[in-house]
PDB file of N, CA and C in Angstrom:
ATOM      1  N   MET A   1       0.923  -1.203  -0.035  1.00  0.00           N
ATOM      2  CA  MET A   1      -0.016   0.027   0.054  1.00  0.00           C
ATOM      3  C   MET A   1       0.899   1.292  -0.032  1.00  0.00           C
ATOM      4  N   VAL A   2       0.502   2.382  -0.709  1.00  0.00           N
ATOM      5  CA  VAL A   2       1.108   3.532  -0.802  1.00  0.00           C
ATOM      6  C   VAL A   2       0.607   4.463   0.287  1.00  0.00           C
ATOM      7  N   LYS A   3       1.404   5.136   1.046  1.00  0.00           N
ATOM      8  CA  LYS A   3       1.046   6.077   2.042  1.00  0.00           C
ATOM      9  C   LYS A   3       1.588   7.445   1.817  1.00  0.00           C
ATOM     10  N   ILE A   4       0.856   8.501   2.328  1.00  0.00           N
ATOM     11  CA  ILE A   4       1.293   9.879   2.361  1.00  0.00           C
ATOM     12  C   ILE A   4       1.624  10.071   3.776  1.00  0.00           C
ATOM     13  N   ARG A   5       2.912  10.321   4.092  1.00  0.00           N
ATOM     14  CA  ARG A   5       3.314  10.441   5.632  1.00  0.00           C
ATOM     15  C   ARG A   5       4.551  11.376   5.743  1.00  0.00           C
ATOM     16  N   LEU A   6       5.013  11.575   6.900  1.00  0.00           N
ATOM     17  CA  LEU A   6       6.142  12.553   7.255  1.00  0.00           C
ATOM     18  C   LEU A   6       7.456  11.752   7.202  1.00  0.00           C
ATOM     19  N   LYS A   7       8.398  12.426   6.746  1.00  0.00           N
ATOM     20  CA  LYS A   7       9.947  12.002   6.676  1.00  0.00           C
ATOM     21  C   LYS A   7      10.783  13.024   7.576  1.00  0.00           C
ATOM     22  N   LYS A   8      11.319  12.642   8.485  1.00  0.00           N
ATOM     23  CA  LYS A   8      11.998  13.482   9.312  1.00  0.00           C
ATOM     24  C   LYS A   8      13.375  13.928   8.734  1.00  0.00           C
ATOM     25  N   MET A   9      13.480  15.298   8.673  1.00  0.00           N
ATOM     26  CA  MET A   9      14.741  15.784   8.060  1.00  0.00           C
ATOM     27  C   MET A   9      15.606  16.778   9.205  1.00  0.00           C
ATOM     28  N   GLY A  10      14.957  17.303  10.087  1.00  0.00           N
ATOM     29  CA  GLY A  10      15.398  18.368  10.946  1.00  0.00           C
ATOM     30  C   GLY A  10      16.600  17.835  11.835  1.00  0.00           C
ATOM     31  N   ALA A  11      17.421  18.695  12.532  1.00  0.00           N
ATOM     32  CA  ALA A  11      18.419  18.459  13.432  1.00  0.00           C
ATOM     33  C   ALA A  11      17.798  18.288  14.822  1.00  0.00           C
ATOM     34  N   LYS A  12      18.661  17.786  15.793  1.00  0.00           N
ATOM     35  CA  LYS A  12      18.090  17.614  17.262  1.00  0.00           C
ATOM     36  C   LYS A  12      17.474  18.855  17.778  1.00  0.00           C
ATOM     37  N   LYS A  13      16.416  18.670  18.369  1.00  0.00           N
ATOM     38  CA  LYS A  13      15.511  19.776  18.887  1.00  0.00           C
ATOM     39  C   LYS A  13      15.156  20.814  17.923  1.00  0.00           C
ATOM     40  N   ARG A  14      15.275  20.635  16.646  1.00  0.00           N
ATOM     41  CA  ARG A  14      14.773  21.400  15.568  1.00  0.00           C
ATOM     42  C   ARG A  14      14.031  20.613  14.445  1.00  0.00           C
ATOM     43  N   PRO A  15      12.914  20.060  14.883  1.00  0.00           N
ATOM     44  CA  PRO A  15      12.196  19.140  13.726  1.00  0.00           C
ATOM     45  C   PRO A  15      11.945  19.950  12.549  1.00  0.00           C
ATOM     46  N   ASP A  16      12.020  19.063  11.508  1.00  0.00           N
ATOM     47  CA  ASP A  16      11.714  19.594  10.107  1.00  0.00           C
ATOM     48  C   ASP A  16      11.227  18.436   9.361  1.00  0.00           C
ATOM     49  N   TYR A  17      10.076  18.329   8.830  1.00  0.00           N
ATOM     50  CA  TYR A  17       9.486  17.014   8.134  1.00  0.00           C
ATOM     51  C   TYR A  17       9.253  17.392   6.569  1.00  0.00           C
ATOM     52  N   ARG A  18       9.347  16.392   5.829  1.00  0.00           N
ATOM     53  CA  ARG A  18       8.961  16.460   4.463  1.00  0.00           C
ATOM     54  C   ARG A  18       7.655  15.461   4.375  1.00  0.00           C
ATOM     55  N   ILE A  19       6.671  16.043   3.643  1.00  0.00           N
ATOM     56  CA  ILE A  19       5.451  15.224   3.354  1.00  0.00           C
ATOM     57  C   ILE A  19       5.654  14.449   2.022  1.00  0.00           C
ATOM     58  N   VAL A  20       5.682  13.154   2.162  1.00  0.00           N
ATOM     59  CA  VAL A  20       6.185  12.152   1.114  1.00  0.00           C
ATOM     60  C   VAL A  20       5.223  11.132   0.719  1.00  0.00           C
ATOM     61  N   VAL A  21       5.246  10.679  -0.411  1.00  0.00           N
ATOM     62  CA  VAL A  21       4.543   9.460  -0.973  1.00  0.00           C
ATOM     63  C   VAL A  21       5.346   8.381  -0.817  1.00  0.00           C
ATOM     64  N   GLN A  22       5.071   7.448  -0.157  1.00  0.00           N
ATOM     65  CA  GLN A  22       5.988   6.362   0.017  1.00  0.00           C
ATOM     66  C   GLN A  22       5.428   4.953   0.297  1.00  0.00           C
ATOM     67  N   ASP A  23       5.958   3.788  -0.078  1.00  0.00           N
ATOM     68  CA  ASP A  23       5.566   2.493   0.239  1.00  0.00           C
ATOM     69  C   ASP A  23       5.408   2.222   1.609  1.00  0.00           C
ATOM     70  N   ALA A  24       4.263   1.767   2.140  1.00  0.00           N
ATOM     71  CA  ALA A  24       4.151   1.407   3.696  1.00  0.00           C
ATOM     72  C   ALA A  24       5.169   0.664   4.251  1.00  0.00           C
ATOM     73  N   ARG A  25       5.864  -0.273   3.371  1.00  0.00           N
ATOM     74  CA  ARG A  25       6.780  -1.326   3.790  1.00  0.00           C
ATOM     75  C   ARG A  25       8.198  -0.692   3.999  1.00  0.00           C
ATOM     76  N   LYS A  26       8.382   0.594   3.469  1.00  0.00           N
ATOM     77  CA  LYS A  26       9.644   1.094   3.713  1.00  0.00           C
ATOM     78  C   LYS A  26       9.894   1.875   5.041  1.00  0.00           C
ATOM     79  N   PRO A  27      11.093   1.919   5.410  1.00  0.00           N
ATOM     80  CA  PRO A  27      11.355   2.721   6.687  1.00  0.00           C
ATOM     81  C   PRO A  27      11.033   4.182   6.512  1.00  0.00           C
ATOM     82  N   ARG A  28      10.596   4.773   7.684  1.00  0.00           N
ATOM     83  CA  ARG A  28      10.267   6.190   7.705  1.00  0.00           C
ATOM     84  C   ARG A  28      11.347   6.944   6.855  1.00  0.00           C
ATOM     85  N   ASP A  29      12.436   6.986   7.049  1.00  0.00           N
ATOM     86  CA  ASP A  29      13.568   7.911   6.297  1.00  0.00           C
ATOM     87  C   ASP A  29      14.094   7.166   5.083  1.00  0.00           C
ATOM     88  N   GLY A  30      13.422   6.253   4.515  1.00  0.00           N
ATOM     89  CA  GLY A  30      13.828   5.432   3.422  1.00  0.00           C
ATOM     90  C   GLY A  30      13.555   6.089   2.049  1.00  0.00           C
ATOM     91  N   ARG A  31      13.636   5.362   0.979  1.00  0.00           N
ATOM     92  CA  ARG A  31      13.393   5.861  -0.301  1.00  0.00           C
ATOM     93  C   ARG A  31      12.001   6.204  -0.483  1.00  0.00           C
ATOM     94  N   THR A  32      11.720   7.348  -1.233  1.00  0.00           N
ATOM     95  CA  THR A  32      10.258   7.917  -1.383  1.00  0.00           C
ATOM     96  C   THR A  32       9.968   7.721  -2.968  1.00  0.00           C
ATOM     97  N   ILE A  33       8.636   7.807  -3.188  1.00  0.00           N
ATOM     98  CA  ILE A  33       8.216   7.942  -4.572  1.00  0.00           C
ATOM     99  C   ILE A  33       8.260   9.384  -4.968  1.00  0.00           C
ATOM    100  N   GLU A  34       7.729  10.257  -4.091  1.00  0.00           N
ATOM    101  CA  GLU A  34       7.679  11.598  -4.406  1.00  0.00           C
ATOM    102  C   GLU A  34       7.495  12.448  -3.162  1.00  0.00           C
ATOM    103  N   GLU A  35       8.169  13.697  -3.126  1.00  0.00           N
ATOM    104  CA  GLU A  35       8.041  14.775  -2.105  1.00  0.00           C
ATOM    105  C   GLU A  35       7.027  15.640  -2.551  1.00  0.00           C
ATOM    106  N   ILE A  36       5.971  15.811  -1.689  1.00  0.00           N
ATOM    107  CA  ILE A  36       4.933  16.898  -2.109  1.00  0.00           C
ATOM    108  C   ILE A  36       4.759  18.073  -1.293  1.00  0.00           C
ATOM    109  N   GLY A  37       5.517  18.113  -0.003  1.00  0.00           N
ATOM    110  CA  GLY A  37       5.479  19.221   0.764  1.00  0.00           C
ATOM    111  C   GLY A  37       6.390  19.292   1.943  1.00  0.00           C
ATOM    112  N   GLN A  38       6.233  20.192   2.870  1.00  0.00           N
ATOM    113  CA  GLN A  38       7.065  20.428   3.980  1.00  0.00           C
ATOM    114  C   GLN A  38       6.221  20.798   5.198  1.00  0.00           C
ATOM    115  N   TYR A  39       6.645  20.384   6.487  1.00  0.00           N
ATOM    116  CA  TYR A  39       5.978  20.622   7.646  1.00  0.00           C
ATOM    117  C   TYR A  39       6.866  21.060   8.670  1.00  0.00           C
ATOM    118  N   HIS A  40       6.850  22.270   9.259  1.00  0.00           N
ATOM    119  CA  HIS A  40       7.726  22.851  10.137  1.00  0.00           C
ATOM    120  C   HIS A  40       6.821  23.207  11.456  1.00  0.00           C
ATOM    121  N   PRO A  41       6.933  22.202  12.418  1.00  0.00           N
ATOM    122  CA  PRO A  41       6.014  22.161  13.690  1.00  0.00           C
ATOM    123  C   PRO A  41       6.387  23.465  14.546  1.00  0.00           C
ATOM    124  N   ILE A  42       7.467  23.939  14.484  1.00  0.00           N
ATOM    125  CA  ILE A  42       7.897  24.987  15.461  1.00  0.00           C
ATOM    126  C   ILE A  42       7.795  26.240  14.822  1.00  0.00           C
ATOM    127  N   ALA A  43       7.504  26.474  13.561  1.00  0.00           N
ATOM    128  CA  ALA A  43       7.271  27.726  12.950  1.00  0.00           C
ATOM    129  C   ALA A  43       5.944  28.399  13.520  1.00  0.00           C
ATOM    130  N   PRO A  44       5.830  29.640  13.253  1.00  0.00           N
ATOM    131  CA  PRO A  44       4.581  30.405  13.746  1.00  0.00           C
ATOM    132  C   PRO A  44       3.394  29.818  13.100  1.00  0.00           C
ATOM    133  N   GLU A  45       2.241  29.968  13.713  1.00  0.00           N
ATOM    134  CA  GLU A  45       1.010  29.436  13.180  1.00  0.00           C
ATOM    135  C   GLU A  45       0.599  30.094  11.996  1.00  0.00           C
ATOM    136  N   GLY A  46       0.329  29.340  10.791  1.00  0.00           N
ATOM    137  CA  GLY A  46      -0.005  29.733   9.573  1.00  0.00           C
ATOM    138  C   GLY A  46       1.195  29.458   8.426  1.00  0.00           C
ATOM    139  N   ASN A  47       2.507  29.320   9.125  1.00  0.00           N
ATOM    140  CA  ASN A  47       3.566  29.110   8.291  1.00  0.00           C
ATOM    141  C   ASN A  47       4.074  27.739   8.502  1.00  0.00           C
ATOM    142  N   GLN A  48       3.309  26.917   9.016  1.00  0.00           N
ATOM    143  CA  GLN A  48       3.858  25.469   9.427  1.00  0.00           C
ATOM    144  C   GLN A  48       4.092  24.688   8.268  1.00  0.00           C
ATOM    145  N   SER A  49       3.032  24.756   7.436  1.00  0.00           N
ATOM    146  CA  SER A  49       3.111  23.709   6.359  1.00  0.00           C
ATOM    147  C   SER A  49       2.915  24.309   4.997  1.00  0.00           C
ATOM    148  N   CYS A  50       3.421  23.669   3.960  1.00  0.00           N
ATOM    149  CA  CYS A  50       3.195  23.959   2.626  1.00  0.00           C
ATOM    150  C   CYS A  50       3.201  22.748   1.775  1.00  0.00           C
ATOM    151  N   PHE A  51       2.401  22.456   0.906  1.00  0.00           N
ATOM    152  CA  PHE A  51       2.360  21.290   0.072  1.00  0.00           C
ATOM    153  C   PHE A  51       1.699  21.573  -1.318  1.00  0.00           C
ATOM    154  N   ASP A  52       1.871  20.729  -2.246  1.00  0.00           N
ATOM    155  CA  ASP A  52       1.413  20.813  -3.605  1.00  0.00           C
ATOM    156  C   ASP A  52       0.111  20.187  -3.419  1.00  0.00           C
ATOM    157  N   MET A  53      -1.082  21.016  -3.413  1.00  0.00           N
ATOM    158  CA  MET A  53      -2.217  20.441  -3.342  1.00  0.00           C
ATOM    159  C   MET A  53      -2.811  19.517  -4.556  1.00  0.00           C
ATOM    160  N   GLU A  54      -2.399  19.877  -5.725  1.00  0.00           N
ATOM    161  CA  GLU A  54      -2.789  19.138  -6.875  1.00  0.00           C
ATOM    162  C   GLU A  54      -1.992  17.541  -6.922  1.00  0.00           C
ATOM    163  N   ARG A  55      -0.914  17.607  -6.535  1.00  0.00           N
ATOM    164  CA  ARG A  55      -0.264  16.306  -6.390  1.00  0.00           C
ATOM    165  C   ARG A  55      -0.796  15.470  -5.185  1.00  0.00           C
ATOM    166  N   ALA A  56      -1.245  16.251  -4.046  1.00  0.00           N
ATOM    167  CA  ALA A  56      -1.867  15.323  -3.007  1.00  0.00           C
ATOM    168  C   ALA A  56      -3.176  14.908  -3.459  1.00  0.00           C
ATOM    169  N   LYS A  57      -3.992  15.736  -4.259  1.00  0.00           N
ATOM    170  CA  LYS A  57      -5.375  15.163  -4.604  1.00  0.00           C
ATOM    171  C   LYS A  57      -5.021  13.954  -5.691  1.00  0.00           C
ATOM    172  N   TYR A  58      -3.996  14.125  -6.396  1.00  0.00           N
ATOM    173  CA  TYR A  58      -3.694  13.043  -7.325  1.00  0.00           C
ATOM    174  C   TYR A  58      -3.509  11.720  -6.671  1.00  0.00           C
ATOM    175  N   TRP A  59      -2.617  11.786  -5.598  1.00  0.00           N
ATOM    176  CA  TRP A  59      -2.136  10.570  -5.014  1.00  0.00           C
ATOM    177  C   TRP A  59      -3.271   9.951  -4.155  1.00  0.00           C
ATOM    178  N   ILE A  60      -4.134  10.841  -3.684  1.00  0.00           N
ATOM    179  CA  ILE A  60      -5.286  10.278  -2.967  1.00  0.00           C
ATOM    180  C   ILE A  60      -6.230   9.673  -3.963  1.00  0.00           C
ATOM    181  N   SER A  61      -6.493  10.405  -5.120  1.00  0.00           N
ATOM    182  CA  SER A  61      -7.390   9.741  -6.097  1.00  0.00           C
ATOM    183  C   SER A  61      -6.947   8.242  -6.585  1.00  0.00           C
ATOM    184  N   VAL A  62      -5.659   7.989  -6.596  1.00  0.00           N
ATOM    185  CA  VAL A  62      -5.145   6.738  -7.091  1.00  0.00           C
ATOM    186  C   VAL A  62      -4.961   5.726  -5.916  1.00  0.00           C
ATOM    187  N   GLY A  63      -5.410   6.087  -4.800  1.00  0.00           N
ATOM    188  CA  GLY A  63      -5.476   5.112  -3.692  1.00  0.00           C
ATOM    189  C   GLY A  63      -4.469   5.373  -2.568  1.00  0.00           C
ATOM    190  N   ALA A  64      -3.620   6.282  -2.456  1.00  0.00           N
ATOM    191  CA  ALA A  64      -2.633   6.784  -1.498  1.00  0.00           C
ATOM    192  C   ALA A  64      -3.383   6.960  -0.165  1.00  0.00           C
ATOM    193  N   GLN A  65      -3.019   6.446   1.036  1.00  0.00           N
ATOM    194  CA  GLN A  65      -3.715   6.875   2.290  1.00  0.00           C
ATOM    195  C   GLN A  65      -2.815   7.684   3.134  1.00  0.00           C
ATOM    196  N   PRO A  66      -3.303   8.845   3.327  1.00  0.00           N
ATOM    197  CA  PRO A  66      -2.573   9.812   4.300  1.00  0.00           C
ATOM    198  C   PRO A  66      -2.792   9.240   5.698  1.00  0.00           C
ATOM    199  N   THR A  67      -1.584   9.379   6.528  1.00  0.00           N
ATOM    200  CA  THR A  67      -1.724   9.193   7.999  1.00  0.00           C
ATOM    201  C   THR A  67      -2.451  10.238   8.632  1.00  0.00           C
ATOM    202  N   GLU A  68      -2.783   9.921   9.910  1.00  0.00           N
ATOM    203  CA  GLU A  68      -3.694  10.856  10.797  1.00  0.00           C
ATOM    204  C   GLU A  68      -2.862  12.224  10.859  1.00  0.00           C
ATOM    205  N   ILE A  69      -1.669  12.313  11.077  1.00  0.00           N
ATOM    206  CA  ILE A  69      -1.085  13.684  11.223  1.00  0.00           C
ATOM    207  C   ILE A  69      -1.088  14.325   9.823  1.00  0.00           C
ATOM    208  N   VAL A  70      -0.907  13.781   8.792  1.00  0.00           N
ATOM    209  CA  VAL A  70      -0.938  14.259   7.386  1.00  0.00           C
ATOM    210  C   VAL A  70      -2.280  14.774   7.177  1.00  0.00           C
ATOM    211  N   LYS A  71      -3.285  13.907   7.595  1.00  0.00           N
ATOM    212  CA  LYS A  71      -4.693  14.436   7.377  1.00  0.00           C
ATOM    213  C   LYS A  71      -4.995  15.723   8.074  1.00  0.00           C
ATOM    214  N   LYS A  72      -4.512  15.914   9.267  1.00  0.00           N
ATOM    215  CA  LYS A  72      -4.587  17.190   9.936  1.00  0.00           C
ATOM    216  C   LYS A  72      -3.893  18.297   9.104  1.00  0.00           C
ATOM    217  N   ILE A  73      -2.684  17.982   8.763  1.00  0.00           N
ATOM    218  CA  ILE A  73      -2.000  19.112   7.980  1.00  0.00           C
ATOM    219  C   ILE A  73      -2.652  19.490   6.640  1.00  0.00           C
ATOM    220  N   PHE A  74      -3.359  18.481   5.974  1.00  0.00           N
ATOM    221  CA  PHE A  74      -4.145  18.759   4.885  1.00  0.00           C
ATOM    222  C   PHE A  74      -5.331  19.604   5.130  1.00  0.00           C
ATOM    223  N   ARG A  75      -5.937  19.289   6.254  1.00  0.00           N
ATOM    224  CA  ARG A  75      -7.207  19.956   6.658  1.00  0.00           C
ATOM    225  C   ARG A  75      -6.763  21.458   6.998  1.00  0.00           C
ATOM    226  N   THR A  76      -5.754  21.692   7.603  1.00  0.00           N
ATOM    227  CA  THR A  76      -5.425  23.169   7.892  1.00  0.00           C
ATOM    228  C   THR A  76      -4.994  23.861   6.557  1.00  0.00           C
ATOM    229  N   GLY A  77      -4.624  23.140   5.548  1.00  0.00           N
ATOM    230  CA  GLY A  77      -4.222  23.618   4.264  1.00  0.00           C
ATOM    231  C   GLY A  77      -5.206  23.862   3.285  1.00  0.00           C
ATOM    232  N   GLY A  78      -6.396  23.231   3.618  1.00  0.00           N
ATOM    233  CA  GLY A  78      -7.654  23.387   2.882  1.00  0.00           C
ATOM    234  C   GLY A  78      -7.978  22.161   2.001  1.00  0.00           C
ATOM    235  N   LEU A  79      -7.589  20.959   2.393  1.00  0.00           N
ATOM    236  CA  LEU A  79      -7.799  19.816   1.563  1.00  0.00           C
ATOM    237  C   LEU A  79      -8.459  18.598   2.538  1.00  0.00           C
ATOM    238  N   ALA A  80      -9.569  18.180   2.131  1.00  0.00           N
ATOM    239  CA  ALA A  80     -10.163  17.166   2.900  1.00  0.00           C
ATOM    240  C   ALA A  80      -9.469  15.827   2.778  1.00  0.00           C
ATOM    241  N   ALA A  81      -9.824  14.959   3.690  1.00  0.00           N
ATOM    242  CA  ALA A  81      -8.971  13.589   3.542  1.00  0.00           C
ATOM    243  C   ALA A  81      -9.409  12.768   2.199  1.00  0.00           C
ATOM    244  N   ASP A  82     -10.539  12.985   1.648  1.00  0.00           N
ATOM    245  CA  ASP A  82     -10.834  12.303   0.416  1.00  0.00           C
ATOM    246  C   ASP A  82     -10.461  12.950  -0.913  1.00  0.00           C
ATOM    247  N   GLY A  83      -9.576  14.082  -0.542  1.00  0.00           N
ATOM    248  CA  GLY A  83      -9.000  14.933  -1.778  1.00  0.00           C
ATOM    249  C   GLY A  83      -9.880  16.015  -2.317  1.00  0.00           C
ATOM    250  N   THR A  84     -11.017  16.311  -1.654  1.00  0.00           N
ATOM    251  CA  THR A  84     -11.685  17.434  -2.090  1.00  0.00           C
ATOM    252  C   THR A  84     -11.300  18.709  -1.397  1.00  0.00           C
ATOM    253  N   PRO A  85     -11.295  19.800  -2.090  1.00  0.00           N
ATOM    254  CA  PRO A  85     -10.962  21.114  -1.352  1.00  0.00           C
ATOM    255  C   PRO A  85     -11.946  21.555  -0.354  1.00  0.00           C
ATOM    256  N   ILE A  86     -11.525  22.167   0.726  1.00  0.00           N
ATOM    257  CA  ILE A  86     -12.492  22.659   1.737  1.00  0.00           C
ATOM    258  C   ILE A  86     -12.727  24.109   1.420  1.00  0.00           C
ATOM    259  N   ALA A  87     -13.957  24.498   1.347  1.00  0.00           N
ATOM    260  CA  ALA A  87     -14.415  25.802   1.004  1.00  0.00           C
ATOM    261  C   ALA A  87     -14.014  26.844   2.311  1.00  0.00           C
ATOM    262  N   ARG A  88     -13.503  27.792   2.034  1.00  0.00           N
ATOM    263  CA  ARG A  88     -13.124  28.842   2.949  1.00  0.00           C
ATOM    264  C   ARG A  88     -13.793  30.019   2.849  1.00  0.00           C
TER     265      ARG A  88
END
């Protein structure tokens, strides 16, 4: 199964994550299919995440499953878990 999940990139006490499309059997920091965004949890509110909404919609439409954390990130970015945009 293909999952949309976080890949840790930051230094000690300075977390930084990439939102990636990856085979569920691969390790967290292993080889990815595609990187579609970034997540910075210690950044100011509103600047914590950025991702390519079109690529996220595409991967969800072909069956990729986002993890719970990525679903929350997508919701704050205006994308529902099923790939439809959230009206603001």
